[in-house]
Amino acid sequence: MGLVKTNRCDGNGASDGRKVPRLTTLCYIERDGCWLVIHRNKKQNDENGDKWIGVGGKFEYGESPVECAMREVKEETGLTMLNPRFRGLVTFVSDEWGVEYMHLFTCDKFAGELAECDEGDLVWLPKAELFKKKLWEGDKIFLRALEEREDFFSLRLRYAGEVLVEHAFE
């Protein structure tokens, strides 16, 4: 018997017509009190357009969260994470973008040389400065949690358009 794939992880839809949640990773690489972030200013029709976010992206079929984070960081930055730390699961619910389960990582040891990114400009930004940039409101909540908490956390964020209308740690 062959394996039958009935659900897809790319958000394009399930067999019953519902959208399947997207599975993504996001990583904040740390160095000298700074986070490596992308100013998303290069892609057309980017839901994160002109915002400042960590490095990450969508799972490929069969990948674990760590494998996805490692691959995405390597592809987008040229860096290899040496100690990725799985810090939280963030559930986004949006009336425009659907549902996304984002696996949140930090990393403070890496190897390699920073490369150009085709999604935006990579910047080592002091952590406090990031809050002055254009961010999703929910990102401010999980960024504070990354700084204030050592435990693994689960956070639910609900958006109407770009407005955060509800958030809760679970």
N, C-alpha and C. Protein backbone atom coordinates (compact mmCIF):
# COMPACT_ATOMS: atom_id res chain seq x y z
N MET A 1 0.83 -1.19 0.00
CA MET A 1 0.00 0.00 0.00
C MET A 1 0.87 1.24 0.00
N GLY A 2 0.46 2.21 -0.76
CA GLY A 2 1.19 3.47 -0.81
C GLY A 2 0.64 4.46 0.20
N LEU A 3 1.44 5.43 0.54
CA LEU A 3 1.03 6.50 1.44
C LEU A 3 0.12 7.46 0.70
N VAL A 4 -1.03 7.75 1.27
CA VAL A 4 -1.96 8.70 0.66
C VAL A 4 -1.89 10.00 1.45
N LYS A 5 -1.52 11.07 0.79
CA LYS A 5 -1.42 12.39 1.43
C LYS A 5 -2.77 13.09 1.29
N THR A 6 -3.47 13.28 2.43
CA THR A 6 -4.81 13.85 2.36
C THR A 6 -4.86 15.31 2.75
N ASN A 7 -3.93 15.78 3.54
CA ASN A 7 -3.90 17.19 3.94
C ASN A 7 -2.60 17.80 3.48
N ARG A 8 -2.62 19.09 3.18
CA ARG A 8 -1.43 19.78 2.74
C ARG A 8 -1.07 20.84 3.76
N CYS A 9 0.21 21.12 3.88
CA CYS A 9 0.70 22.09 4.86
C CYS A 9 0.97 23.45 4.26
N ASP A 10 0.56 23.68 3.01
CA ASP A 10 0.90 24.93 2.35
C ASP A 10 -0.21 25.97 2.40
N GLY A 11 -1.31 25.69 3.10
CA GLY A 11 -2.38 26.67 3.23
C GLY A 11 -3.28 26.75 2.01
N ASN A 12 -3.11 25.89 1.02
CA ASN A 12 -3.90 25.98 -0.20
C ASN A 12 -5.24 25.26 -0.10
N GLY A 13 -5.41 24.41 0.86
CA GLY A 13 -6.72 23.83 1.05
C GLY A 13 -6.69 22.34 1.31
N ALA A 14 -7.72 21.89 2.01
CA ALA A 14 -7.90 20.47 2.29
C ALA A 14 -8.96 19.94 1.33
N SER A 15 -9.15 18.64 1.35
CA SER A 15 -10.09 18.01 0.43
C SER A 15 -11.53 18.46 0.68
N ASP A 16 -11.84 18.96 1.88
CA ASP A 16 -13.20 19.40 2.17
C ASP A 16 -13.40 20.90 1.92
N GLY A 17 -12.42 21.57 1.30
CA GLY A 17 -12.57 22.97 0.93
C GLY A 17 -12.04 23.97 1.96
N ARG A 18 -11.76 23.52 3.17
CA ARG A 18 -11.23 24.43 4.18
C ARG A 18 -9.76 24.70 3.92
N LYS A 19 -9.31 25.87 4.32
CA LYS A 19 -7.88 26.15 4.23
C LYS A 19 -7.16 25.42 5.35
N VAL A 20 -6.05 24.81 5.01
CA VAL A 20 -5.22 24.13 5.99
C VAL A 20 -4.26 25.18 6.56
N PRO A 21 -4.07 25.20 7.88
CA PRO A 21 -3.14 26.19 8.45
C PRO A 21 -1.73 26.05 7.86
N ARG A 22 -1.09 27.20 7.70
CA ARG A 22 0.30 27.20 7.25
C ARG A 22 1.20 26.86 8.42
N LEU A 23 2.26 26.12 8.17
CA LEU A 23 3.27 25.78 9.16
C LEU A 23 4.54 26.55 8.81
N THR A 24 5.00 27.38 9.74
CA THR A 24 6.17 28.21 9.48
C THR A 24 7.11 28.21 10.68
N THR A 25 8.31 28.73 10.43
CA THR A 25 9.27 28.98 11.50
C THR A 25 9.67 30.44 11.45
N LEU A 26 10.13 30.95 12.58
CA LEU A 26 10.72 32.28 12.65
C LEU A 26 11.83 32.22 13.68
N CYS A 27 12.99 32.75 13.32
CA CYS A 27 14.14 32.68 14.20
C CYS A 27 14.74 34.07 14.40
N TYR A 28 15.06 34.36 15.65
CA TYR A 28 15.78 35.58 15.99
C TYR A 28 17.17 35.17 16.43
N ILE A 29 18.15 35.46 15.57
CA ILE A 29 19.54 35.17 15.86
C ILE A 29 20.10 36.33 16.66
N GLU A 30 20.78 36.01 17.76
CA GLU A 30 21.27 37.03 18.69
C GLU A 30 22.78 37.16 18.62
N ARG A 31 23.26 38.43 18.69
CA ARG A 31 24.68 38.71 18.75
C ARG A 31 24.88 40.08 19.39
N ASP A 32 25.65 40.14 20.46
CA ASP A 32 26.03 41.41 21.09
C ASP A 32 24.84 42.33 21.36
N GLY A 33 23.77 41.78 21.92
CA GLY A 33 22.59 42.59 22.26
C GLY A 33 21.74 42.98 21.07
N CYS A 34 21.99 42.36 19.92
CA CYS A 34 21.22 42.64 18.71
C CYS A 34 20.52 41.38 18.22
N TRP A 35 19.46 41.59 17.46
CA TRP A 35 18.80 40.52 16.74
C TRP A 35 19.06 40.72 15.25
N LEU A 36 19.23 39.62 14.54
CA LEU A 36 19.30 39.69 13.08
C LEU A 36 17.87 39.67 12.56
N VAL A 37 17.49 40.73 11.85
CA VAL A 37 16.13 40.86 11.34
C VAL A 37 16.19 41.21 9.85
N ILE A 38 15.06 40.99 9.20
CA ILE A 38 14.91 41.35 7.80
C ILE A 38 13.92 42.50 7.69
N HIS A 39 14.33 43.58 7.04
CA HIS A 39 13.37 44.61 6.66
C HIS A 39 12.77 44.14 5.34
N ARG A 40 11.52 43.68 5.38
CA ARG A 40 10.88 43.03 4.23
C ARG A 40 10.49 44.09 3.20
N ASN A 41 11.44 44.39 2.31
CA ASN A 41 11.22 45.47 1.36
C ASN A 41 11.52 45.08 -0.09
N LYS A 42 11.61 43.78 -0.40
CA LYS A 42 11.98 43.37 -1.75
C LYS A 42 10.94 42.56 -2.50
N LYS A 43 10.02 41.89 -1.81
CA LYS A 43 9.05 41.01 -2.47
C LYS A 43 7.75 41.75 -2.77
N GLN A 44 7.16 41.43 -3.92
CA GLN A 44 5.84 41.95 -4.27
C GLN A 44 4.78 41.15 -3.52
N ASN A 45 3.66 41.79 -3.19
CA ASN A 45 2.52 41.12 -2.54
C ASN A 45 2.94 40.34 -1.30
N ASP A 46 3.76 40.95 -0.48
CA ASP A 46 4.30 40.32 0.73
C ASP A 46 3.42 40.72 1.91
N GLU A 47 2.83 39.73 2.59
CA GLU A 47 1.99 40.04 3.75
C GLU A 47 2.79 40.73 4.86
N ASN A 48 4.11 40.57 4.83
CA ASN A 48 4.99 41.24 5.79
C ASN A 48 5.68 42.46 5.18
N GLY A 49 5.18 42.94 4.07
CA GLY A 49 5.81 44.05 3.35
C GLY A 49 6.09 45.25 4.22
N ASP A 50 7.31 45.74 4.16
CA ASP A 50 7.83 46.91 4.88
C ASP A 50 7.91 46.71 6.40
N LYS A 51 7.68 45.50 6.87
CA LYS A 51 7.81 45.22 8.30
C LYS A 51 9.19 44.64 8.58
N TRP A 52 9.57 44.66 9.84
CA TRP A 52 10.84 44.13 10.32
C TRP A 52 10.54 42.85 11.08
N ILE A 53 11.07 41.72 10.60
CA ILE A 53 10.78 40.44 11.25
C ILE A 53 12.05 39.60 11.31
N GLY A 54 11.97 38.50 12.05
CA GLY A 54 13.07 37.54 12.10
C GLY A 54 13.17 36.77 10.80
N VAL A 55 14.01 35.76 10.81
CA VAL A 55 14.29 34.96 9.62
C VAL A 55 13.51 33.66 9.70
N GLY A 56 12.86 33.29 8.62
CA GLY A 56 12.13 32.03 8.64
C GLY A 56 11.31 31.85 7.40
N GLY A 57 10.43 30.86 7.45
CA GLY A 57 9.58 30.60 6.30
C GLY A 57 8.76 29.33 6.47
N LYS A 58 8.22 28.86 5.36
CA LYS A 58 7.29 27.73 5.36
C LYS A 58 8.02 26.39 5.39
N PHE A 59 7.38 25.45 6.08
CA PHE A 59 7.87 24.08 6.12
C PHE A 59 7.84 23.47 4.73
N GLU A 60 8.81 22.63 4.44
CA GLU A 60 8.74 21.74 3.30
C GLU A 60 8.18 20.42 3.79
N TYR A 61 7.56 19.67 2.91
CA TYR A 61 6.91 18.42 3.29
C TYR A 61 7.88 17.51 4.05
N GLY A 62 7.46 17.05 5.23
CA GLY A 62 8.24 16.11 6.03
C GLY A 62 9.26 16.74 6.96
N GLU A 63 9.46 18.05 6.90
CA GLU A 63 10.45 18.69 7.77
C GLU A 63 9.96 18.80 9.21
N SER A 64 10.89 18.71 10.14
CA SER A 64 10.61 19.03 11.54
C SER A 64 10.75 20.54 11.70
N PRO A 65 10.25 21.10 12.81
CA PRO A 65 10.44 22.53 13.05
C PRO A 65 11.92 22.94 13.03
N VAL A 66 12.79 22.16 13.66
CA VAL A 66 14.22 22.51 13.69
C VAL A 66 14.81 22.44 12.29
N GLU A 67 14.46 21.40 11.53
CA GLU A 67 14.97 21.30 10.16
C GLU A 67 14.54 22.49 9.31
N CYS A 68 13.29 22.89 9.44
CA CYS A 68 12.79 24.04 8.68
C CYS A 68 13.53 25.31 9.09
N ALA A 69 13.68 25.54 10.39
CA ALA A 69 14.38 26.74 10.86
C ALA A 69 15.81 26.77 10.36
N MET A 70 16.50 25.64 10.46
CA MET A 70 17.89 25.56 10.00
C MET A 70 18.00 25.86 8.51
N ARG A 71 17.13 25.25 7.72
CA ARG A 71 17.16 25.45 6.26
C ARG A 71 16.85 26.90 5.90
N GLU A 72 15.79 27.45 6.49
CA GLU A 72 15.40 28.82 6.17
C GLU A 72 16.48 29.83 6.55
N VAL A 73 17.08 29.66 7.71
CA VAL A 73 18.15 30.57 8.12
C VAL A 73 19.33 30.48 7.15
N LYS A 74 19.69 29.28 6.78
CA LYS A 74 20.81 29.09 5.83
C LYS A 74 20.48 29.73 4.48
N GLU A 75 19.26 29.48 3.96
CA GLU A 75 18.87 30.03 2.66
C GLU A 75 18.81 31.55 2.67
N GLU A 76 18.27 32.14 3.74
CA GLU A 76 18.04 33.58 3.76
C GLU A 76 19.23 34.40 4.23
N THR A 77 20.14 33.77 5.00
CA THR A 77 21.23 34.56 5.58
C THR A 77 22.62 34.05 5.23
N GLY A 78 22.73 32.78 4.85
CA GLY A 78 24.04 32.17 4.66
C GLY A 78 24.62 31.61 5.94
N LEU A 79 23.97 31.83 7.07
CA LEU A 79 24.46 31.38 8.37
C LEU A 79 23.94 29.98 8.70
N THR A 80 24.73 29.25 9.46
CA THR A 80 24.33 27.95 9.98
C THR A 80 24.14 28.08 11.49
N MET A 81 22.93 27.83 11.97
CA MET A 81 22.67 27.89 13.40
C MET A 81 23.33 26.69 14.08
N LEU A 82 24.03 26.95 15.19
CA LEU A 82 24.71 25.88 15.92
C LEU A 82 23.93 25.44 17.15
N ASN A 83 23.06 26.30 17.66
CA ASN A 83 22.28 25.93 18.84
C ASN A 83 20.87 26.52 18.80
N PRO A 84 20.08 26.18 17.78
CA PRO A 84 18.72 26.71 17.75
C PRO A 84 17.93 26.26 18.98
N ARG A 85 17.18 27.18 19.53
CA ARG A 85 16.38 26.89 20.73
C ARG A 85 14.91 27.15 20.41
N PHE A 86 14.09 26.12 20.49
CA PHE A 86 12.66 26.21 20.23
C PHE A 86 12.01 26.89 21.42
N ARG A 87 11.51 28.10 21.23
CA ARG A 87 11.04 28.92 22.35
C ARG A 87 9.53 28.99 22.48
N GLY A 88 8.82 28.87 21.37
CA GLY A 88 7.38 29.02 21.48
C GLY A 88 6.65 28.66 20.21
N LEU A 89 5.33 28.49 20.37
CA LEU A 89 4.43 28.26 19.26
C LEU A 89 3.45 29.43 19.24
N VAL A 90 3.40 30.13 18.12
CA VAL A 90 2.51 31.27 17.98
C VAL A 90 1.45 30.91 16.94
N THR A 91 0.18 31.00 17.35
CA THR A 91 -0.93 30.73 16.46
C THR A 91 -1.51 32.06 16.01
N PHE A 92 -1.42 32.31 14.70
CA PHE A 92 -2.00 33.51 14.11
C PHE A 92 -3.33 33.12 13.49
N VAL A 93 -4.35 33.92 13.77
CA VAL A 93 -5.65 33.74 13.13
C VAL A 93 -5.98 35.08 12.49
N SER A 94 -6.13 35.08 11.16
CA SER A 94 -6.36 36.32 10.43
C SER A 94 -7.54 36.18 9.49
N ASP A 95 -8.36 37.22 9.45
CA ASP A 95 -9.48 37.21 8.51
C ASP A 95 -9.00 37.36 7.07
N GLU A 96 -7.76 37.81 6.86
CA GLU A 96 -7.22 37.97 5.51
C GLU A 96 -6.26 36.86 5.10
N TRP A 97 -5.46 36.37 6.04
CA TRP A 97 -4.37 35.46 5.70
C TRP A 97 -4.62 34.03 6.19
N GLY A 98 -5.71 33.79 6.87
CA GLY A 98 -6.00 32.44 7.37
C GLY A 98 -5.30 32.16 8.68
N VAL A 99 -4.98 30.89 8.91
CA VAL A 99 -4.37 30.45 10.17
C VAL A 99 -2.94 30.01 9.89
N GLU A 100 -2.06 30.36 10.81
CA GLU A 100 -0.65 29.99 10.70
C GLU A 100 -0.16 29.54 12.07
N TYR A 101 0.56 28.43 12.09
CA TYR A 101 1.25 27.97 13.30
C TYR A 101 2.73 28.25 13.11
N MET A 102 3.22 29.25 13.83
CA MET A 102 4.61 29.67 13.69
C MET A 102 5.44 29.12 14.85
N HIS A 103 6.49 28.41 14.50
CA HIS A 103 7.41 27.80 15.47
C HIS A 103 8.55 28.79 15.67
N LEU A 104 8.67 29.32 16.88
CA LEU A 104 9.56 30.44 17.18
C LEU A 104 10.86 29.96 17.82
N PHE A 105 11.97 30.39 17.26
CA PHE A 105 13.30 29.99 17.72
C PHE A 105 14.16 31.20 18.02
N THR A 106 15.14 30.98 18.91
CA THR A 106 16.25 31.91 19.07
C THR A 106 17.54 31.10 18.88
N CYS A 107 18.62 31.82 18.64
CA CYS A 107 19.91 31.17 18.44
C CYS A 107 21.00 32.20 18.72
N ASP A 108 22.00 31.81 19.53
CA ASP A 108 23.09 32.76 19.81
C ASP A 108 24.46 32.23 19.40
N LYS A 109 24.49 31.09 18.72
CA LYS A 109 25.75 30.56 18.18
C LYS A 109 25.50 30.13 16.74
N PHE A 110 26.37 30.60 15.86
CA PHE A 110 26.19 30.32 14.44
C PHE A 110 27.54 30.39 13.76
N ALA A 111 27.58 29.87 12.54
CA ALA A 111 28.81 29.89 11.74
C ALA A 111 28.46 30.41 10.35
N GLY A 112 29.48 30.89 9.66
CA GLY A 112 29.30 31.34 8.29
C GLY A 112 29.36 32.85 8.16
N GLU A 113 29.23 33.29 6.93
CA GLU A 113 29.25 34.72 6.59
C GLU A 113 27.85 35.15 6.16
N LEU A 114 27.44 36.32 6.61
CA LEU A 114 26.13 36.87 6.25
C LEU A 114 26.08 37.12 4.74
N ALA A 115 25.02 36.66 4.11
CA ALA A 115 24.84 36.79 2.67
C ALA A 115 23.69 37.77 2.38
N GLU A 116 23.50 38.10 1.12
CA GLU A 116 22.37 38.91 0.69
C GLU A 116 21.09 38.09 0.78
N CYS A 117 20.00 38.75 1.07
CA CYS A 117 18.71 38.09 1.17
C CYS A 117 17.78 38.66 0.10
N ASP A 118 17.10 37.78 -0.64
CA ASP A 118 16.22 38.26 -1.71
C ASP A 118 14.85 38.71 -1.21
N GLU A 119 14.59 38.61 0.10
CA GLU A 119 13.30 39.01 0.65
C GLU A 119 13.35 40.39 1.31
N GLY A 120 14.56 40.86 1.59
CA GLY A 120 14.69 42.16 2.24
C GLY A 120 16.11 42.38 2.71
N ASP A 121 16.31 43.49 3.39
CA ASP A 121 17.64 43.84 3.90
C ASP A 121 17.85 43.23 5.28
N LEU A 122 18.94 42.46 5.43
CA LEU A 122 19.31 41.89 6.72
C LEU A 122 20.05 42.94 7.54
N VAL A 123 19.64 43.08 8.81
CA VAL A 123 20.22 44.10 9.67
C VAL A 123 20.42 43.52 11.08
N TRP A 124 21.60 43.74 11.68
CA TRP A 124 21.79 43.46 13.10
C TRP A 124 21.27 44.68 13.83
N LEU A 125 20.16 44.55 14.52
CA LEU A 125 19.48 45.68 15.14
C LEU A 125 19.45 45.50 16.66
N PRO A 126 19.88 46.54 17.42
CA PRO A 126 19.76 46.44 18.88
C PRO A 126 18.32 46.09 19.26
N LYS A 127 18.17 45.20 20.22
CA LYS A 127 16.85 44.69 20.57
C LYS A 127 15.85 45.81 20.88
N ALA A 128 16.25 46.81 21.63
CA ALA A 128 15.34 47.91 21.97
C ALA A 128 14.94 48.72 20.74
N GLU A 129 15.82 48.81 19.75
CA GLU A 129 15.54 49.57 18.53
C GLU A 129 14.47 48.90 17.69
N LEU A 130 14.40 47.57 17.75
CA LEU A 130 13.43 46.86 16.94
C LEU A 130 12.01 47.32 17.25
N PHE A 131 11.73 47.63 18.50
CA PHE A 131 10.38 48.05 18.89
C PHE A 131 10.00 49.40 18.30
N LYS A 132 10.96 50.15 17.80
CA LYS A 132 10.69 51.44 17.17
C LYS A 132 10.43 51.31 15.67
N LYS A 133 10.63 50.11 15.14
CA LYS A 133 10.42 49.86 13.72
C LYS A 133 8.98 49.42 13.46
N LYS A 134 8.64 49.30 12.17
CA LYS A 134 7.29 48.86 11.79
C LYS A 134 7.20 47.35 12.00
N LEU A 135 6.41 46.95 13.00
CA LEU A 135 6.22 45.55 13.37
C LEU A 135 4.73 45.24 13.41
N TRP A 136 4.41 43.96 13.30
CA TRP A 136 3.08 43.52 13.66
C TRP A 136 2.93 43.72 15.17
N GLU A 137 1.75 44.12 15.63
CA GLU A 137 1.55 44.33 17.07
C GLU A 137 1.80 43.05 17.86
N GLY A 138 1.39 41.92 17.33
CA GLY A 138 1.60 40.66 18.02
C GLY A 138 3.07 40.30 18.16
N ASP A 139 3.89 40.74 17.19
CA ASP A 139 5.33 40.47 17.28
C ASP A 139 5.92 41.12 18.53
N LYS A 140 5.43 42.29 18.88
CA LYS A 140 5.92 42.96 20.09
C LYS A 140 5.66 42.10 21.33
N ILE A 141 4.53 41.41 21.33
CA ILE A 141 4.18 40.56 22.47
C ILE A 141 5.13 39.37 22.58
N PHE A 142 5.37 38.66 21.47
CA PHE A 142 6.25 37.49 21.59
C PHE A 142 7.72 37.90 21.70
N LEU A 143 8.11 39.05 21.17
CA LEU A 143 9.48 39.52 21.36
C LEU A 143 9.75 39.82 22.84
N ARG A 144 8.77 40.44 23.51
CA ARG A 144 8.92 40.68 24.97
C ARG A 144 9.01 39.35 25.71
N ALA A 145 8.19 38.38 25.30
CA ALA A 145 8.22 37.06 25.95
C ALA A 145 9.58 36.40 25.76
N LEU A 146 10.18 36.55 24.59
CA LEU A 146 11.52 35.98 24.37
C LEU A 146 12.53 36.58 25.33
N GLU A 147 12.38 37.84 25.65
CA GLU A 147 13.31 38.51 26.55
C GLU A 147 13.01 38.23 28.03
N GLU A 148 11.74 38.08 28.37
CA GLU A 148 11.34 38.00 29.78
C GLU A 148 11.14 36.58 30.29
N ARG A 149 10.97 35.61 29.39
CA ARG A 149 10.65 34.25 29.81
C ARG A 149 11.74 33.29 29.38
N GLU A 150 11.95 32.27 30.18
CA GLU A 150 12.87 31.19 29.82
C GLU A 150 12.12 29.94 29.38
N ASP A 151 10.83 29.87 29.75
CA ASP A 151 10.04 28.68 29.45
C ASP A 151 9.52 28.71 28.02
N PHE A 152 9.12 27.54 27.54
CA PHE A 152 8.44 27.42 26.25
C PHE A 152 7.04 28.02 26.43
N PHE A 153 6.56 28.76 25.45
CA PHE A 153 5.23 29.36 25.58
C PHE A 153 4.42 29.14 24.31
N SER A 154 3.11 29.25 24.48
CA SER A 154 2.17 29.20 23.37
C SER A 154 1.35 30.48 23.42
N LEU A 155 1.28 31.16 22.28
CA LEU A 155 0.60 32.45 22.20
C LEU A 155 -0.36 32.42 21.02
N ARG A 156 -1.58 32.90 21.26
CA ARG A 156 -2.58 32.99 20.19
C ARG A 156 -2.81 34.46 19.88
N LEU A 157 -2.71 34.82 18.59
CA LEU A 157 -2.92 36.19 18.13
C LEU A 157 -4.03 36.18 17.08
N ARG A 158 -5.02 37.04 17.25
CA ARG A 158 -6.10 37.13 16.26
C ARG A 158 -6.11 38.53 15.66
N TYR A 159 -6.10 38.57 14.32
CA TYR A 159 -6.06 39.83 13.59
C TYR A 159 -7.31 40.02 12.74
N ALA A 160 -7.76 41.29 12.65
CA ALA A 160 -8.73 41.73 11.66
C ALA A 160 -7.95 42.69 10.77
N GLY A 161 -7.66 42.25 9.57
CA GLY A 161 -6.74 43.03 8.74
C GLY A 161 -5.39 43.07 9.42
N GLU A 162 -4.83 44.26 9.57
CA GLU A 162 -3.54 44.39 10.26
C GLU A 162 -3.70 44.77 11.73
N VAL A 163 -4.94 44.76 12.23
CA VAL A 163 -5.21 45.16 13.61
C VAL A 163 -5.28 43.93 14.51
N LEU A 164 -4.46 43.92 15.55
CA LEU A 164 -4.51 42.84 16.54
C LEU A 164 -5.74 43.07 17.41
N VAL A 165 -6.67 42.13 17.39
CA VAL A 165 -7.91 42.29 18.14
C VAL A 165 -7.97 41.40 19.38
N GLU A 166 -7.07 40.41 19.47
CA GLU A 166 -7.08 39.53 20.63
C GLU A 166 -5.73 38.84 20.72
N HIS A 167 -5.28 38.66 21.96
CA HIS A 167 -4.07 37.85 22.17
C HIS A 167 -4.18 37.18 23.53
N ALA A 168 -3.60 35.99 23.62
CA ALA A 168 -3.64 35.26 24.89
C ALA A 168 -2.50 34.23 24.93
N PHE A 169 -1.80 34.20 26.06
CA PHE A 169 -0.86 33.12 26.30
C PHE A 169 -1.67 31.93 26.77
N GLU A 170 -1.37 30.76 26.24
CA GLU A 170 -2.15 29.57 26.58
C GLU A 170 -1.33 28.62 27.40
